[in-house]
Each structure stands twice: as C-alpha cells, then as structure tokens.
C-alpha cells in the first residue's frame, strides 16, 4: 500500500471536529478564520519585481451562527456532539 502524504477534509468535517474538541453541546456554529495580509514587491530577480500580496491564515476557529447564517455552512452542536448528561429522573413517592 502506498504511503499517504496528504489528507483533505471538507469544511463541515473540520467544523465537526472543532465543535467536539471545544466541548460544545449547544448552538449552531460555523468556521471562522483570521487572516494576515502583507503587501510588497515580489519577483525571482530584482529586474522582475512586481507589486503583490501575501495572505496567511493566522488562526482557525468557531463562531456562533446567527439566524441569517446559511444552514449550508453551519452545524448544530446539540446534534453532532450531544451532552452525555441525562435529565434527572423524577421518582414517585409511594
């Protein structure tokens, strides 16, 4: 079997793992990212410099979804990471 060098995940798979890792059990959540942006002159040699930009991903996280957030980019933590706590059972007095 060949060695695996790359693995890719859909955004909802990453979202599910982050919700579970964060221990969230309620609310609808979506992915959030913080980007860094730098402008400069880039090129292989001085004579070929051209204006350009570099965008870097500084952090990936979770953001609580609002009512306007499309369902296609959210997951419900209560569905994918339900709480293990069961409601207390009321005992009847005899």
PDB file of N, CA and C in Angstrom:
ATOM      1  N   UNK A   1       0.842  -1.173   0.000  1.00  0.00           N
ATOM      2  CA  UNK A   1       0.000   0.000   0.000  1.00  0.00           C
ATOM      3  C   UNK A   1       0.893   1.243   0.000  1.00  0.00           C
ATOM      4  N   UNK A   2       0.613   2.199  -0.887  1.00  0.00           N
ATOM      5  CA  UNK A   2       1.466   3.387  -0.948  1.00  0.00           C
ATOM      6  C   UNK A   2       1.315   4.252   0.307  1.00  0.00           C
ATOM      7  N   UNK A   3       2.364   4.998   0.593  1.00  0.00           N
ATOM      8  CA  UNK A   3       2.359   5.889   1.744  1.00  0.00           C
ATOM      9  C   UNK A   3       1.441   7.088   1.473  1.00  0.00           C
ATOM     10  N   UNK A   4       0.649   7.449   2.470  1.00  0.00           N
ATOM     11  CA  UNK A   4      -0.249   8.597   2.342  1.00  0.00           C
ATOM     12  C   UNK A   4       0.527   9.851   2.699  1.00  0.00           C
ATOM     13  N   UNK A   5       0.528  10.831   1.796  1.00  0.00           N
ATOM     14  CA  UNK A   5       1.257  12.074   2.012  1.00  0.00           C
ATOM     15  C   UNK A   5       0.348  13.277   2.236  1.00  0.00           C
ATOM     16  N   UNK A   6      -0.922  13.151   1.873  1.00  0.00           N
ATOM     17  CA  UNK A   6      -1.853  14.257   2.044  1.00  0.00           C
ATOM     18  C   UNK A   6      -3.219  13.723   2.438  1.00  0.00           C
ATOM     19  N   UNK A   7      -3.893  14.458   3.304  1.00  0.00           N
ATOM     20  CA  UNK A   7      -5.275  14.159   3.669  1.00  0.00           C
ATOM     21  C   UNK A   7      -6.063  15.449   3.576  1.00  0.00           C
ATOM     22  N   UNK A   8      -7.222  15.409   2.990  1.00  0.00           N
ATOM     23  CA  UNK A   8      -8.062  16.586   2.866  1.00  0.00           C
ATOM     24  C   UNK A   8      -9.382  16.349   3.567  1.00  0.00           C
ATOM     25  N   UNK A   9      -9.942  17.421   4.143  1.00  0.00           N
ATOM     26  CA  UNK A   9     -11.203  17.338   4.853  1.00  0.00           C
ATOM     27  C   UNK A   9     -12.119  18.447   4.360  1.00  0.00           C
ATOM     28  N   UNK A  10     -13.390  18.139   4.224  1.00  0.00           N
ATOM     29  CA  UNK A  10     -14.382  19.153   3.876  1.00  0.00           C
ATOM     30  C   UNK A  10     -14.557  20.097   5.059  1.00  0.00           C
ATOM     31  N   UNK A  11     -15.027  21.316   4.791  1.00  0.00           N
ATOM     32  CA  UNK A  11     -15.144  22.296   5.868  1.00  0.00           C
ATOM     33  C   UNK A  11     -16.078  21.824   6.981  1.00  0.00           C
ATOM     34  N   UNK A  12     -17.117  21.058   6.662  1.00  0.00           N
ATOM     35  CA  UNK A  12     -18.025  20.572   7.707  1.00  0.00           C
ATOM     36  C   UNK A  12     -17.363  19.502   8.566  1.00  0.00           C
ATOM     37  N   UNK A  13     -16.436  18.739   7.996  1.00  0.00           N
ATOM     38  CA  UNK A  13     -15.692  17.767   8.803  1.00  0.00           C
ATOM     39  C   UNK A  13     -14.791  18.482   9.805  1.00  0.00           C
ATOM     40  N   UNK A  14     -14.126  19.532   9.366  1.00  0.00           N
ATOM     41  CA  UNK A  14     -13.277  20.329  10.255  1.00  0.00           C
ATOM     42  C   UNK A  14     -14.141  20.991  11.324  1.00  0.00           C
ATOM     43  N   UNK A  15     -15.270  21.530  10.922  1.00  0.00           N
ATOM     44  CA  UNK A  15     -16.193  22.172  11.857  1.00  0.00           C
ATOM     45  C   UNK A  15     -16.665  21.192  12.929  1.00  0.00           C
ATOM     46  N   UNK A  16     -17.014  19.983  12.534  1.00  0.00           N
ATOM     47  CA  UNK A  16     -17.458  18.970  13.490  1.00  0.00           C
ATOM     48  C   UNK A  16     -16.351  18.644  14.488  1.00  0.00           C
ATOM     49  N   UNK A  17     -15.144  18.451  14.012  1.00  0.00           N
ATOM     50  CA  UNK A  17     -14.027  18.131  14.906  1.00  0.00           C
ATOM     51  C   UNK A  17     -13.741  19.266  15.889  1.00  0.00           C
ATOM     52  N   UNK A  18     -13.818  20.514  15.421  1.00  0.00           N
ATOM     53  CA  UNK A  18     -13.578  21.650  16.304  1.00  0.00           C
ATOM     54  C   UNK A  18     -14.671  21.781  17.364  1.00  0.00           C
ATOM     55  N   UNK A  19     -15.920  21.551  16.979  1.00  0.00           N
ATOM     56  CA  UNK A  19     -17.024  21.599  17.942  1.00  0.00           C
ATOM     57  C   UNK A  19     -16.821  20.538  19.020  1.00  0.00           C
ATOM     58  N   UNK A  20     -16.451  19.343  18.605  1.00  0.00           N
ATOM     59  CA  UNK A  20     -16.224  18.266  19.566  1.00  0.00           C
ATOM     60  C   UNK A  20     -15.019  18.563  20.449  1.00  0.00           C
ATOM     61  N   UNK A  21     -13.941  19.062  19.879  1.00  0.00           N
ATOM     62  CA  UNK A  21     -12.727  19.380  20.642  1.00  0.00           C
ATOM     63  C   UNK A  21     -13.001  20.485  21.656  1.00  0.00           C
ATOM     64  N   UNK A  22     -13.837  21.458  21.284  1.00  0.00           N
ATOM     65  CA  UNK A  22     -14.161  22.561  22.182  1.00  0.00           C
ATOM     66  C   UNK A  22     -15.170  22.152  23.262  1.00  0.00           C
ATOM     67  N   UNK A  23     -15.761  20.975  23.115  1.00  0.00           N
ATOM     68  CA  UNK A  23     -16.729  20.509  24.108  1.00  0.00           C
ATOM     69  C   UNK A  23     -18.049  21.255  24.059  1.00  0.00           C
ATOM     70  N   UNK A  24     -18.431  21.722  22.875  1.00  0.00           N
ATOM     71  CA  UNK A  24     -19.688  22.454  22.723  1.00  0.00           C
ATOM     72  C   UNK A  24     -20.841  21.473  22.546  1.00  0.00           C
ATOM     73  N   UNK A  25     -21.940  21.724  23.249  1.00  0.00           N
ATOM     74  CA  UNK A  25     -23.093  20.828  23.193  1.00  0.00           C
ATOM     75  C   UNK A  25     -24.379  21.539  22.784  1.00  0.00           C
ATOM     76  N   UNK A  26     -24.296  22.825  22.509  1.00  0.00           N
ATOM     77  CA  UNK A  26     -25.493  23.554  22.091  1.00  0.00           C
ATOM     78  C   UNK A  26     -25.119  24.696  21.169  1.00  0.00           C
ATOM     79  N   UNK A  27     -26.084  25.105  20.380  1.00  0.00           N
ATOM     80  CA  UNK A  27     -25.891  26.229  19.468  1.00  0.00           C
ATOM     81  C   UNK A  27     -25.450  25.793  18.088  1.00  0.00           C
ATOM     82  N   UNK A  28     -25.694  26.667  17.127  1.00  0.00           N
ATOM     83  CA  UNK A  28     -25.240  26.433  15.756  1.00  0.00           C
ATOM     84  C   UNK A  28     -23.944  27.202  15.570  1.00  0.00           C
ATOM     85  N   UNK A  29     -22.982  26.557  14.915  1.00  0.00           N
ATOM     86  CA  UNK A  29     -21.630  27.111  14.790  1.00  0.00           C
ATOM     87  C   UNK A  29     -21.166  27.047  13.350  1.00  0.00           C
ATOM     88  N   UNK A  30     -20.226  27.954  13.016  1.00  0.00           N
ATOM     89  CA  UNK A  30     -19.606  27.959  11.695  1.00  0.00           C
ATOM     90  C   UNK A  30     -18.115  28.198  11.862  1.00  0.00           C
ATOM     91  N   UNK A  31     -17.359  27.889  10.810  1.00  0.00           N
ATOM     92  CA  UNK A  31     -15.920  28.119  10.847  1.00  0.00           C
ATOM     93  C   UNK A  31     -15.625  29.613  10.774  1.00  0.00           C
ATOM     94  N   UNK A  32     -14.576  30.004  11.453  1.00  0.00           N
ATOM     95  CA  UNK A  32     -14.082  31.380  11.384  1.00  0.00           C
ATOM     96  C   UNK A  32     -12.581  31.305  11.143  1.00  0.00           C
ATOM     97  N   UNK A  33     -12.054  32.318  10.478  1.00  0.00           N
ATOM     98  CA  UNK A  33     -10.622  32.357  10.211  1.00  0.00           C
ATOM     99  C   UNK A  33     -10.108  33.784  10.367  1.00  0.00           C
ATOM    100  N   UNK A  34      -8.920  33.908  10.928  1.00  0.00           N
ATOM    101  CA  UNK A  34      -8.227  35.198  10.994  1.00  0.00           C
ATOM    102  C   UNK A  34      -7.120  35.171   9.951  1.00  0.00           C
ATOM    103  N   UNK A  35      -7.124  36.184   9.092  1.00  0.00           N
ATOM    104  CA  UNK A  35      -6.146  36.254   8.028  1.00  0.00           C
ATOM    105  C   UNK A  35      -5.168  37.400   8.273  1.00  0.00           C
ATOM    106  N   UNK A  36      -3.942  37.191   7.849  1.00  0.00           N
ATOM    107  CA  UNK A  36      -2.948  38.248   7.835  1.00  0.00           C
ATOM    108  C   UNK A  36      -2.708  38.647   6.385  1.00  0.00           C
ATOM    109  N   UNK A  37      -2.443  39.915   6.160  1.00  0.00           N
ATOM    110  CA  UNK A  37      -2.256  40.417   4.806  1.00  0.00           C
ATOM    111  C   UNK A  37      -1.019  41.309   4.773  1.00  0.00           C
ATOM    112  N   UNK A  38      -0.143  41.059   3.829  1.00  0.00           N
ATOM    113  CA  UNK A  38       1.060  41.869   3.663  1.00  0.00           C
ATOM    114  C   UNK A  38       1.242  42.194   2.183  1.00  0.00           C
ATOM    115  N   UNK A  39       1.526  43.445   1.915  1.00  0.00           N
ATOM    116  CA  UNK A  39       1.803  43.867   0.538  1.00  0.00           C
ATOM    117  C   UNK A  39       3.307  44.073   0.382  1.00  0.00           C
ATOM    118  N   UNK A  40       3.800  43.903  -0.823  1.00  0.00           N
ATOM    119  CA  UNK A  40       5.221  44.100  -1.069  1.00  0.00           C
ATOM    120  C   UNK A  40       5.539  43.972  -2.537  1.00  0.00           C
ATOM    121  N   UNK A  41       6.809  44.013  -2.827  1.00  0.00           N
ATOM    122  CA  UNK A  41       7.289  43.804  -4.193  1.00  0.00           C
ATOM    123  C   UNK A  41       7.944  42.428  -4.238  1.00  0.00           C
ATOM    124  N   UNK A  42       7.501  41.617  -5.182  1.00  0.00           N
ATOM    125  CA  UNK A  42       7.966  40.233  -5.246  1.00  0.00           C
ATOM    126  C   UNK A  42       8.422  39.895  -6.657  1.00  0.00           C
ATOM    127  N   UNK A  43       9.374  39.003  -6.759  1.00  0.00           N
ATOM    128  CA  UNK A  43       9.840  38.531  -8.049  1.00  0.00           C
ATOM    129  C   UNK A  43      11.086  37.684  -7.881  1.00  0.00           C
ATOM    130  N   UNK A  44      11.416  36.890  -8.885  1.00  0.00           N
ATOM    131  CA  UNK A  44      12.566  36.000  -8.779  1.00  0.00           C
ATOM    132  C   UNK A  44      13.902  36.748  -8.784  1.00  0.00           C
ATOM    133  N   UNK A  45      13.954  37.875  -9.480  1.00  0.00           N
ATOM    134  CA  UNK A  45      15.164  38.709  -9.518  1.00  0.00           C
ATOM    135  C   UNK A  45      14.728  40.170  -9.473  1.00  0.00           C
ATOM    136  N   UNK A  46      15.643  41.063  -9.119  1.00  0.00           N
ATOM    137  CA  UNK A  46      15.319  42.484  -8.962  1.00  0.00           C
ATOM    138  C   UNK A  46      14.660  43.069 -10.202  1.00  0.00           C
ATOM    139  N   UNK A  47      15.100  42.681 -11.366  1.00  0.00           N
ATOM    140  CA  UNK A  47      14.558  43.230 -12.605  1.00  0.00           C
ATOM    141  C   UNK A  47      13.113  42.798 -12.860  1.00  0.00           C
ATOM    142  N   UNK A  48      12.635  41.791 -12.174  1.00  0.00           N
ATOM    143  CA  UNK A  48      11.278  41.284 -12.403  1.00  0.00           C
ATOM    144  C   UNK A  48      10.367  41.509 -11.199  1.00  0.00           C
ATOM    145  N   UNK A  49      10.717  42.458 -10.334  1.00  0.00           N
ATOM    146  CA  UNK A  49       9.864  42.746  -9.180  1.00  0.00           C
ATOM    147  C   UNK A  49       8.526  43.307  -9.642  1.00  0.00           C
ATOM    148  N   UNK A  50       7.475  42.930  -8.937  1.00  0.00           N
ATOM    149  CA  UNK A  50       6.128  43.428  -9.220  1.00  0.00           C
ATOM    150  C   UNK A  50       5.360  43.533  -7.905  1.00  0.00           C
ATOM    151  N   UNK A  51       4.440  44.479  -7.825  1.00  0.00           N
ATOM    152  CA  UNK A  51       3.633  44.577  -6.608  1.00  0.00           C
ATOM    153  C   UNK A  51       2.824  43.297  -6.418  1.00  0.00           C
ATOM    154  N   UNK A  52       2.716  42.899  -5.166  1.00  0.00           N
ATOM    155  CA  UNK A  52       1.975  41.678  -4.880  1.00  0.00           C
ATOM    156  C   UNK A  52       1.508  41.657  -3.442  1.00  0.00           C
ATOM    157  N   UNK A  53       0.897  40.572  -3.064  1.00  0.00           N
ATOM    158  CA  UNK A  53       0.366  40.440  -1.711  1.00  0.00           C
ATOM    159  C   UNK A  53       0.543  39.007  -1.226  1.00  0.00           C
ATOM    160  N   UNK A  54       0.660  38.888   0.080  1.00  0.00           N
ATOM    161  CA  UNK A  54       0.705  37.578   0.725  1.00  0.00           C
ATOM    162  C   UNK A  54      -0.444  37.530   1.723  1.00  0.00           C
ATOM    163  N   UNK A  55      -1.228  36.489   1.652  1.00  0.00           N
ATOM    164  CA  UNK A  55      -2.305  36.271   2.609  1.00  0.00           C
ATOM    165  C   UNK A  55      -1.963  35.017   3.389  1.00  0.00           C
ATOM    166  N   UNK A  56      -1.962  35.139   4.717  1.00  0.00           N
ATOM    167  CA  UNK A  56      -1.672  33.977   5.554  1.00  0.00           C
ATOM    168  C   UNK A  56      -2.841  33.712   6.482  1.00  0.00           C
ATOM    169  N   UNK A  57      -3.033  32.455   6.823  1.00  0.00           N
ATOM    170  CA  UNK A  57      -4.064  32.071   7.779  1.00  0.00           C
ATOM    171  C   UNK A  57      -3.406  32.088   9.151  1.00  0.00           C
ATOM    172  N   UNK A  58      -3.852  33.003  10.008  1.00  0.00           N
ATOM    173  CA  UNK A  58      -3.263  33.144  11.340  1.00  0.00           C
ATOM    174  C   UNK A  58      -3.920  32.211  12.354  1.00  0.00           C
ATOM    175  N   UNK A  59      -5.217  31.984  12.217  1.00  0.00           N
ATOM    176  CA  UNK A  59      -5.937  31.109  13.151  1.00  0.00           C
ATOM    177  C   UNK A  59      -7.237  30.637  12.518  1.00  0.00           C
ATOM    178  N   UNK A  60      -7.669  29.464  12.927  1.00  0.00           N
ATOM    179  CA  UNK A  60      -8.957  28.912  12.508  1.00  0.00           C
ATOM    180  C   UNK A  60      -9.740  28.635  13.780  1.00  0.00           C
ATOM    181  N   UNK A  61     -11.012  29.007  13.783  1.00  0.00           N
ATOM    182  CA  UNK A  61     -11.798  28.811  14.993  1.00  0.00           C
ATOM    183  C   UNK A  61     -13.269  28.630  14.694  1.00  0.00           C
ATOM    184  N   UNK A  62     -14.067  28.860  15.719  1.00  0.00           N
ATOM    185  CA  UNK A  62     -15.512  28.702  15.644  1.00  0.00           C
ATOM    186  C   UNK A  62     -16.191  30.027  15.925  1.00  0.00           C
ATOM    187  N   UNK A  63     -17.307  30.241  15.273  1.00  0.00           N
ATOM    188  CA  UNK A  63     -18.125  31.416  15.528  1.00  0.00           C
ATOM    189  C   UNK A  63     -19.571  30.969  15.602  1.00  0.00           C
ATOM    190  N   UNK A  64     -20.274  31.469  16.626  1.00  0.00           N
ATOM    191  CA  UNK A  64     -21.686  31.114  16.760  1.00  0.00           C
ATOM    192  C   UNK A  64     -22.451  31.714  15.583  1.00  0.00           C
ATOM    193  N   UNK A  65     -23.285  30.902  14.970  1.00  0.00           N
ATOM    194  CA  UNK A  65     -24.069  31.347  13.819  1.00  0.00           C
ATOM    195  C   UNK A  65     -25.236  32.208  14.275  1.00  0.00           C
ATOM    196  N   UNK A  66     -25.663  33.091  13.406  1.00  0.00           N
ATOM    197  CA  UNK A  66     -26.838  33.921  13.661  1.00  0.00           C
ATOM    198  C   UNK A  66     -28.020  33.340  12.881  1.00  0.00           C
ATOM    199  N   UNK A  67     -29.175  33.925  13.070  1.00  0.00           N
ATOM    200  CA  UNK A  67     -30.371  33.456  12.358  1.00  0.00           C
ATOM    201  C   UNK A  67     -30.214  33.625  10.846  1.00  0.00           C
ATOM    202  N   UNK A  68     -29.384  34.587  10.423  1.00  0.00           N
ATOM    203  CA  UNK A  68     -29.200  34.853   8.991  1.00  0.00           C
ATOM    204  C   UNK A  68     -28.141  33.961   8.344  1.00  0.00           C
ATOM    205  N   UNK A  69     -27.376  33.228   9.145  1.00  0.00           N
ATOM    206  CA  UNK A  69     -26.303  32.405   8.602  1.00  0.00           C
ATOM    207  C   UNK A  69     -26.888  31.234   7.808  1.00  0.00           C
ATOM    208  N   UNK A  70     -26.441  31.022   6.573  1.00  0.00           N
ATOM    209  CA  UNK A  70     -26.957  29.894   5.776  1.00  0.00           C
ATOM    210  C   UNK A  70     -26.672  28.547   6.445  1.00  0.00           C
ATOM    211  N   UNK A  71     -27.653  27.667   6.410  1.00  0.00           N
ATOM    212  CA  UNK A  71     -27.520  26.334   7.001  1.00  0.00           C
ATOM    213  C   UNK A  71     -26.378  25.531   6.374  1.00  0.00           C
ATOM    214  N   UNK A  72     -26.052  25.833   5.124  1.00  0.00           N
ATOM    215  CA  UNK A  72     -25.021  25.079   4.409  1.00  0.00           C
ATOM    216  C   UNK A  72     -23.640  25.208   5.041  1.00  0.00           C
ATOM    217  N   UNK A  73     -23.422  26.235   5.862  1.00  0.00           N
ATOM    218  CA  UNK A  73     -22.096  26.429   6.456  1.00  0.00           C
ATOM    219  C   UNK A  73     -22.102  26.300   7.977  1.00  0.00           C
ATOM    220  N   UNK A  74     -23.198  25.766   8.533  1.00  0.00           N
ATOM    221  CA  UNK A  74     -23.283  25.621   9.989  1.00  0.00           C
ATOM    222  C   UNK A  74     -23.516  24.179  10.396  1.00  0.00           C
ATOM    223  N   UNK A  75     -23.197  23.894  11.645  1.00  0.00           N
ATOM    224  CA  UNK A  75     -23.544  22.617  12.260  1.00  0.00           C
ATOM    225  C   UNK A  75     -24.134  22.899  13.629  1.00  0.00           C
ATOM    226  N   UNK A  76     -25.082  22.082  14.025  1.00  0.00           N
ATOM    227  CA  UNK A  76     -25.728  22.197  15.327  1.00  0.00           C
ATOM    228  C   UNK A  76     -24.982  21.309  16.315  1.00  0.00           C
ATOM    229  N   UNK A  77     -24.383  21.939  17.319  1.00  0.00           N
ATOM    230  CA  UNK A  77     -23.585  21.189  18.295  1.00  0.00           C
ATOM    231  C   UNK A  77     -24.434  20.183  19.069  1.00  0.00           C
ATOM    232  N   UNK A  78     -25.698  20.466  19.295  1.00  0.00           N
ATOM    233  CA  UNK A  78     -26.543  19.533  20.043  1.00  0.00           C
ATOM    234  C   UNK A  78     -26.805  18.246  19.262  1.00  0.00           C
ATOM    235  N   UNK A  79     -26.648  18.310  17.948  1.00  0.00           N
ATOM    236  CA  UNK A  79     -26.861  17.130  17.102  1.00  0.00           C
ATOM    237  C   UNK A  79     -25.567  16.336  16.941  1.00  0.00           C
ATOM    238  N   UNK A  80     -24.462  17.017  16.667  1.00  0.00           N
ATOM    239  CA  UNK A  80     -23.219  16.292  16.375  1.00  0.00           C
ATOM    240  C   UNK A  80     -22.376  16.000  17.615  1.00  0.00           C
ATOM    241  N   UNK A  81     -22.682  16.680  18.724  1.00  0.00           N
ATOM    242  CA  UNK A  81     -21.919  16.465  19.959  1.00  0.00           C
ATOM    243  C   UNK A  81     -22.864  16.576  21.162  1.00  0.00           C
ATOM    244  N   UNK A  82     -23.836  15.644  21.243  1.00  0.00           N
ATOM    245  CA  UNK A  82     -24.812  15.739  22.330  1.00  0.00           C
ATOM    246  C   UNK A  82     -24.152  15.569  23.693  1.00  0.00           C
ATOM    247  N   UNK A  83     -24.747  16.208  24.676  1.00  0.00           N
ATOM    248  CA  UNK A  83     -24.250  16.111  26.044  1.00  0.00           C
ATOM    249  C   UNK A  83     -24.488  14.705  26.571  1.00  0.00           C
ATOM    250  N   UNK A  84     -23.542  14.199  27.355  1.00  0.00           N
ATOM    251  CA  UNK A  84     -23.686  12.860  27.945  1.00  0.00           C
ATOM    252  C   UNK A  84     -24.592  12.884  29.170  1.00  0.00           C
ATOM    253  N   UNK A  85     -24.909  14.064  29.651  1.00  0.00           N
ATOM    254  CA  UNK A  85     -25.752  14.175  30.839  1.00  0.00           C
ATOM    255  C   UNK A  85     -27.196  13.881  30.468  1.00  0.00           C
ATOM    256  N   UNK A  86     -27.780  12.978  31.216  1.00  0.00           N
ATOM    257  CA  UNK A  86     -29.184  12.660  31.006  1.00  0.00           C
ATOM    258  C   UNK A  86     -30.015  13.443  32.013  1.00  0.00           C
ATOM    259  N   UNK A  87     -31.186  13.846  31.651  1.00  0.00           N
ATOM    260  CA  UNK A  87     -32.020  14.566  32.603  1.00  0.00           C
ATOM    261  C   UNK A  87     -32.325  13.682  33.813  1.00  0.00           C
ATOM    262  N   UNK A  88     -32.389  14.300  34.967  1.00  0.00           N
ATOM    263  CA  UNK A  88     -32.675  13.540  36.191  1.00  0.00           C
ATOM    264  C   UNK A  88     -34.064  12.934  36.099  1.00  0.00           C
ATOM    265  N   UNK A  89     -34.170  11.706  36.556  1.00  0.00           N
ATOM    266  CA  UNK A  89     -35.439  11.012  36.557  1.00  0.00           C
ATOM    267  C   UNK A  89     -36.151  11.302  37.869  1.00  0.00           C
ATOM    268  N   UNK A  90     -37.378  11.788  37.769  1.00  0.00           N
ATOM    269  CA  UNK A  90     -38.132  12.078  38.973  1.00  0.00           C
ATOM    270  C   UNK A  90     -38.745  10.776  39.485  1.00  0.00           C
ATOM    271  N   UNK A  91     -38.540  10.533  40.772  1.00  0.00           N
ATOM    272  CA  UNK A  91     -39.110   9.339  41.379  1.00  0.00           C
ATOM    273  C   UNK A  91     -40.442   9.694  42.036  1.00  0.00           C
ATOM    274  N   UNK A  92     -41.356   8.793  41.902  1.00  0.00           N
ATOM    275  CA  UNK A  92     -42.657   8.997  42.533  1.00  0.00           C
ATOM    276  C   UNK A  92     -42.598   8.563  43.988  1.00  0.00           C
ATOM    277  N   UNK A  93     -43.223   9.325  44.829  1.00  0.00           N
ATOM    278  CA  UNK A  93     -43.298   8.931  46.228  1.00  0.00           C
ATOM    279  C   UNK A  93     -44.378   7.884  46.365  1.00  0.00           C
ATOM    280  N   UNK A  94     -44.077   6.865  47.131  1.00  0.00           N
ATOM    281  CA  UNK A  94     -45.023   5.778  47.306  1.00  0.00           C
ATOM    282  C   UNK A  94     -45.762   5.932  48.600  1.00  0.00           C
TER     283      UNK A  94
END
